[in-house]
């Protein structure tokens, strides 16, 4: 009787087939191929990952460069704006923070002021007469020339004439004349007071430059002058912060009206500026 092949016999047969050398070799070959494919795929993934990381680094590096460039441009623009603002402030100066005869803009410096002398004729003082008392005037930014004997009116410029009257009144010690040369609007500005009595002022190295003029809608014209001078043995009653070695330039704003008359409407301190003409 033929023995019927059972389920377990088939399993055993399968085991026998698996144990065959050829099949064993083929299985190893298949496993080897799968392993090689796995390694190859792993290497590809590593390469792709490395490329992505490199790409990400390049993107980050590009962003950093863009940020740096943008920052530099912003710094340049801000610096340019600050320079323009600084120039504007430097030209218009600062309104005198105290009364007009102070003219220091609130600068706190150690100055020695001489006793007021109302008796001595300043044009008999040897030390003052030895100084350069010429008046240099530049009608614009071109070369300057000398105004002889304080005759400002000879230039035929009404605004310069008003300015000359102011300087001559200071030298003469005439506070009432000085006060009459300012507009009422000027004295209405907080901190601006009328000049009190002061002795003749020994001004020297007077320098004046006509900066510009502006025609107003109402018809009058505003002139701007930069003025600089020193004071020999300053008593501090006309102006503080100026002596034989130190000067502080001022900007005078002068209104010339339709009838030809003129008044000083404001005075600004041009801090740190040296008028070289």
Protein backbone atom coordinates (compact mmCIF):
# COMPACT_ATOMS: atom_id res chain seq x y z
CA UNK A 1 0.00 0.00 0.00
CA UNK A 2 1.35 3.29 -1.01
CA UNK A 3 1.94 5.62 1.86
CA UNK A 4 0.00 8.81 1.57
CA UNK A 5 2.06 11.91 1.74
CA UNK A 6 1.06 13.96 4.74
CA UNK A 7 1.15 17.64 5.58
CA UNK A 8 4.24 17.34 7.70
CA UNK A 9 5.95 15.34 4.93
CA UNK A 10 5.42 18.35 2.61
CA UNK A 11 6.96 20.55 5.18
CA UNK A 12 9.87 18.23 5.46
CA UNK A 13 10.18 18.19 1.68
CA UNK A 14 10.25 21.95 1.73
CA UNK A 15 12.97 21.78 4.27
CA UNK A 16 14.88 19.44 2.09
CA UNK A 17 14.49 21.78 -0.85
CA UNK A 18 15.76 24.66 1.18
CA UNK A 19 18.78 22.59 2.14
CA UNK A 20 19.68 21.99 -1.48
CA UNK A 21 23.07 23.58 -2.32
CA UNK A 22 21.87 25.35 -5.48
CA UNK A 23 18.91 26.90 -3.71
CA UNK A 24 21.10 27.88 -0.82
CA UNK A 25 23.52 29.58 -3.20
CA UNK A 26 20.69 31.36 -4.97
CA UNK A 27 19.27 32.57 -1.67
CA UNK A 28 22.59 33.97 -0.62
CA UNK A 29 22.85 35.68 -3.98
CA UNK A 30 19.43 37.27 -3.50
CA UNK A 31 20.27 38.37 0.01
CA UNK A 32 23.53 39.81 -1.22
CA UNK A 33 21.75 41.83 -3.91
CA UNK A 34 19.20 43.14 -1.42
CA UNK A 35 21.96 44.15 0.96
CA UNK A 36 23.91 45.88 -1.80
CA UNK A 37 20.77 47.71 -2.87
CA UNK A 38 20.16 48.78 0.73
CA UNK A 39 23.72 50.09 1.06
CA UNK A 40 23.44 51.88 -2.27
CA UNK A 41 20.15 53.48 -1.25
CA UNK A 42 21.66 54.47 2.10
CA UNK A 43 24.61 56.15 0.36
CA UNK A 44 22.23 57.97 -1.97
CA UNK A 45 20.22 59.18 1.00
CA UNK A 46 23.37 60.35 2.74
CA UNK A 47 24.49 62.22 -0.38
CA UNK A 48 21.04 63.76 -0.79
CA UNK A 49 21.00 64.71 2.89
CA UNK A 50 24.46 66.25 2.61
CA UNK A 51 23.40 68.19 -0.49
CA UNK A 52 20.29 69.47 1.31
CA UNK A 53 22.35 70.53 4.32
CA UNK A 54 24.81 72.28 2.00
CA UNK A 55 21.90 73.96 0.23
CA UNK A 56 20.40 75.05 3.57
CA UNK A 57 23.77 76.46 4.66
CA UNK A 58 24.05 78.37 1.39
CA UNK A 59 20.52 79.76 1.89
CA UNK A 60 21.34 80.80 5.47
CA UNK A 61 24.62 82.33 4.31
CA UNK A 62 22.76 84.24 1.59
CA UNK A 63 20.23 85.53 4.11
CA UNK A 64 23.04 86.69 6.42
CA UNK A 65 24.72 88.52 3.52
CA UNK A 66 21.43 90.21 2.61
CA UNK A 67 20.92 91.25 6.24
CA UNK A 68 24.47 92.66 6.44
CA UNK A 69 24.07 94.57 3.15
CA UNK A 70 20.68 95.94 4.24
CA UNK A 71 22.13 96.99 7.60
CA UNK A 72 25.05 98.79 5.93
CA UNK A 73 22.67 100.64 3.59
CA UNK A 74 20.47 101.62 6.54
CA UNK A 75 23.49 102.88 8.52
CA UNK A 76 24.67 104.96 5.53
CA UNK A 77 21.20 106.49 5.06
CA UNK A 78 20.84 107.27 8.77
CA UNK A 79 24.33 108.80 8.84
CA UNK A 80 23.49 110.94 5.80
CA UNK A 81 20.26 112.15 7.43
CA UNK A 82 22.05 112.93 10.70
CA UNK A 83 24.74 114.87 8.84
CA UNK A 84 22.10 116.92 7.02
CA UNK A 85 20.30 117.63 10.30
CA UNK A 86 23.61 118.54 11.93
CA UNK A 87 24.44 120.92 9.07
CA UNK A 88 21.03 122.58 9.37
CA UNK A 89 21.44 123.04 13.11
CA UNK A 90 25.00 124.29 12.61
CA UNK A 91 23.88 126.95 10.13
CA UNK A 92 20.90 128.28 12.02
CA UNK A 93 22.69 127.95 15.32
CA UNK A 94 20.91 128.22 18.65
CA UNK A 95 18.79 131.06 19.94
CA UNK A 96 20.52 132.80 22.79
CA UNK A 97 19.16 131.19 25.92
CA UNK A 98 19.64 134.33 28.00
CA UNK A 99 19.40 138.05 27.29
CA UNK A 100 20.96 139.33 24.00
CA UNK A 101 24.07 140.74 25.68
CA UNK A 102 24.96 137.26 26.91
CA UNK A 103 25.29 135.59 23.53
CA UNK A 104 26.78 132.40 24.96
CA UNK A 105 23.81 130.11 24.39
CA UNK A 106 24.07 128.95 27.98
CA UNK A 107 27.71 127.81 27.70
CA UNK A 108 29.25 127.39 31.14
CA UNK A 109 32.93 128.39 30.92
CA UNK A 110 35.35 130.05 33.27
CA UNK A 111 35.86 133.63 32.17
CA UNK A 112 37.46 136.53 33.95
CA UNK A 113 35.52 139.74 33.39
CA UNK A 114 37.23 143.06 33.99
CA UNK A 115 35.67 145.84 36.10
CA UNK A 116 33.38 148.12 34.11
CA UNK A 117 35.10 151.35 33.07
CA UNK A 118 32.79 154.17 31.99
CA UNK A 119 35.40 156.95 32.20
CA UNK A 120 38.36 155.98 30.01
CA UNK A 121 38.32 156.74 26.31
CA UNK A 122 38.93 153.31 24.79
CA UNK A 123 40.77 154.87 21.84
CA UNK A 124 43.51 156.00 24.19
CA UNK A 125 44.26 152.53 25.53
CA UNK A 126 47.57 151.35 24.00
CA UNK A 127 46.74 147.64 24.30
CA UNK A 128 43.50 148.09 22.36
CA UNK A 129 44.99 150.38 19.70
CA UNK A 130 47.67 147.79 18.94
CA UNK A 131 45.06 145.18 17.98
CA UNK A 132 43.58 144.57 14.54
CA UNK A 133 40.48 146.77 14.56
CA UNK A 134 39.73 146.48 10.84
CA UNK A 135 36.29 145.36 9.69
CA UNK A 136 36.35 142.56 7.12
CA UNK A 137 33.25 142.07 5.02
CA UNK A 138 32.36 139.34 2.52
CA UNK A 139 29.22 140.17 0.48
CA UNK A 140 28.96 136.44 -0.24
CA UNK A 141 31.28 133.44 -0.08
CA UNK A 142 33.81 135.22 -2.28
CA UNK A 143 36.86 137.18 -1.15
CA UNK A 144 36.35 139.76 1.60
CA UNK A 145 37.47 143.38 1.77
CA UNK A 146 37.82 146.03 4.46
CA UNK A 147 35.12 148.54 5.44
CA UNK A 148 36.92 151.78 6.22
CA UNK A 149 36.29 153.65 9.49
CA UNK A 150 33.16 151.71 10.36
CA UNK A 151 31.29 153.32 7.46
CA UNK A 152 28.91 150.41 6.76
CA UNK A 153 26.43 152.63 4.90
CA UNK A 154 28.99 153.17 2.15
CA UNK A 155 28.26 149.68 0.86
CA UNK A 156 24.72 150.68 -0.05
CA UNK A 157 23.20 147.64 1.67
CA UNK A 158 20.42 148.59 4.14
CA UNK A 159 20.75 145.35 6.16
CA UNK A 160 24.50 145.80 6.51
CA UNK A 161 23.89 149.39 7.60
CA UNK A 162 21.60 148.18 10.42
CA UNK A 163 24.21 145.65 11.50
CA UNK A 164 26.89 148.35 11.42
CA UNK A 165 24.78 150.61 13.63
CA UNK A 166 24.52 147.78 16.15
CA UNK A 167 28.30 147.19 16.25
CA UNK A 168 29.11 150.91 16.39
CA UNK A 169 26.60 151.39 19.24
CA UNK A 170 28.32 148.56 21.15
CA UNK A 171 31.71 150.25 20.70
CA UNK A 172 30.19 153.55 21.82
CA UNK A 173 28.55 151.98 24.88
CA UNK A 174 25.08 153.12 23.76
CA UNK A 175 22.63 150.54 25.10
CA UNK A 176 19.58 152.60 24.12
CA UNK A 177 20.67 152.68 20.51
CA UNK A 178 21.27 148.94 20.56
CA UNK A 179 17.79 148.29 21.95
CA UNK A 180 16.19 150.51 19.31
CA UNK A 181 17.63 148.33 16.56
CA UNK A 182 15.62 145.22 17.56
CA UNK A 183 12.02 144.42 16.66
CA UNK A 184 9.41 144.12 19.40
CA UNK A 185 8.93 140.51 18.31
CA UNK A 186 12.49 139.86 19.38
CA UNK A 187 11.90 141.06 22.93
CA UNK A 188 8.68 139.04 23.08
CA UNK A 189 10.73 135.86 22.78
CA UNK A 190 11.25 134.24 26.16
CA UNK A 191 14.75 134.93 27.50
CA UNK A 192 15.42 138.00 25.37
CA UNK A 193 15.80 141.10 27.53
CA UNK A 194 16.68 144.67 26.69
CA UNK A 195 20.28 145.72 27.14
CA UNK A 196 21.04 147.45 30.36
CA UNK A 197 23.75 150.10 30.63
CA UNK A 198 27.23 148.97 29.61
CA UNK A 199 30.53 150.85 29.02
CA UNK A 200 32.14 151.25 25.56
CA UNK A 201 33.11 147.84 24.21
CA UNK A 202 36.61 147.28 22.81
CA UNK A 203 35.66 145.14 19.81
CA UNK A 204 38.37 144.02 17.39
CA UNK A 205 38.87 141.54 14.53
CA UNK A 206 35.32 142.16 13.35
CA UNK A 207 34.31 139.80 10.52
CA UNK A 208 31.00 139.81 8.65
CA UNK A 209 29.64 137.63 5.86
CA UNK A 210 26.34 138.06 4.03
CA UNK A 211 24.92 134.54 3.94
CA UNK A 212 21.64 134.91 2.05
CA UNK A 213 18.34 136.77 1.78
CA UNK A 214 14.69 135.71 1.58
CA UNK A 215 11.82 137.70 0.07
CA UNK A 216 8.69 137.43 2.23
CA UNK A 217 5.08 137.24 1.01
CA UNK A 218 4.26 140.55 2.70
CA UNK A 219 6.99 142.28 0.69
CA UNK A 220 9.86 142.79 3.16
CA UNK A 221 13.17 140.93 2.85
CA UNK A 222 15.06 138.98 5.51
CA UNK A 223 18.86 139.01 5.43
CA UNK A 224 21.17 136.64 7.30
CA UNK A 225 24.69 137.65 8.34
CA UNK A 226 27.33 135.65 10.17
CA UNK A 227 29.21 137.97 12.55
CA UNK A 228 32.31 137.30 14.62
CA UNK A 229 34.51 139.51 16.81
CA UNK A 230 36.64 139.52 19.97
CA UNK A 231 36.51 141.90 22.93
CA UNK A 232 39.59 143.32 24.61
CA UNK A 233 39.36 143.17 28.43
CA UNK A 234 35.70 142.21 28.29
CA UNK A 235 33.59 143.36 31.27
CA UNK A 236 30.77 140.93 30.38
CA UNK A 237 28.02 143.57 30.44
CA UNK A 238 27.47 143.66 26.68
CA UNK A 239 28.29 140.06 25.88
CA UNK A 240 29.72 137.10 27.77
CA UNK A 241 31.81 134.19 26.53
CA UNK A 242 34.14 136.32 24.35
CA UNK A 243 37.59 137.70 25.17
CA UNK A 244 40.97 138.42 23.52
CA UNK A 245 41.45 134.83 22.39
CA UNK A 246 37.94 133.38 22.14
CA UNK A 247 35.17 134.31 19.74
CA UNK A 248 31.72 132.85 19.11
CA UNK A 249 30.10 133.56 15.78
CA UNK A 250 26.48 134.70 15.67
CA UNK A 251 23.87 134.82 12.92
CA UNK A 252 21.90 138.05 12.70
CA UNK A 253 18.45 137.92 11.12
CA UNK A 254 17.63 141.40 9.83
CA UNK A 255 14.32 142.54 8.33
CA UNK A 256 14.39 145.24 5.65
CA UNK A 257 10.94 146.70 5.06
CA UNK A 258 9.39 148.24 1.99
CA UNK A 259 10.21 151.79 3.13
CA UNK A 260 13.91 150.89 3.40
CA UNK A 261 14.05 150.79 7.21
CA UNK A 262 15.36 147.75 8.99
CA UNK A 263 15.39 145.95 12.35
CA UNK A 264 17.21 143.00 13.88
CA UNK A 265 14.58 140.30 14.32
CA UNK A 266 16.69 137.57 15.90
CA UNK A 267 20.22 136.54 16.85
CA UNK A 268 21.46 132.95 16.85
CA UNK A 269 24.62 131.48 18.26
CA UNK A 270 26.65 129.56 15.69
CA UNK A 271 28.28 127.28 18.21
CA UNK A 272 31.79 126.04 17.42
CA UNK A 273 31.94 127.89 14.09
CA UNK A 274 34.97 129.97 13.11
CA UNK A 275 34.34 132.63 10.48
CA UNK A 276 37.40 132.63 8.27
CA UNK A 277 37.30 135.38 5.66
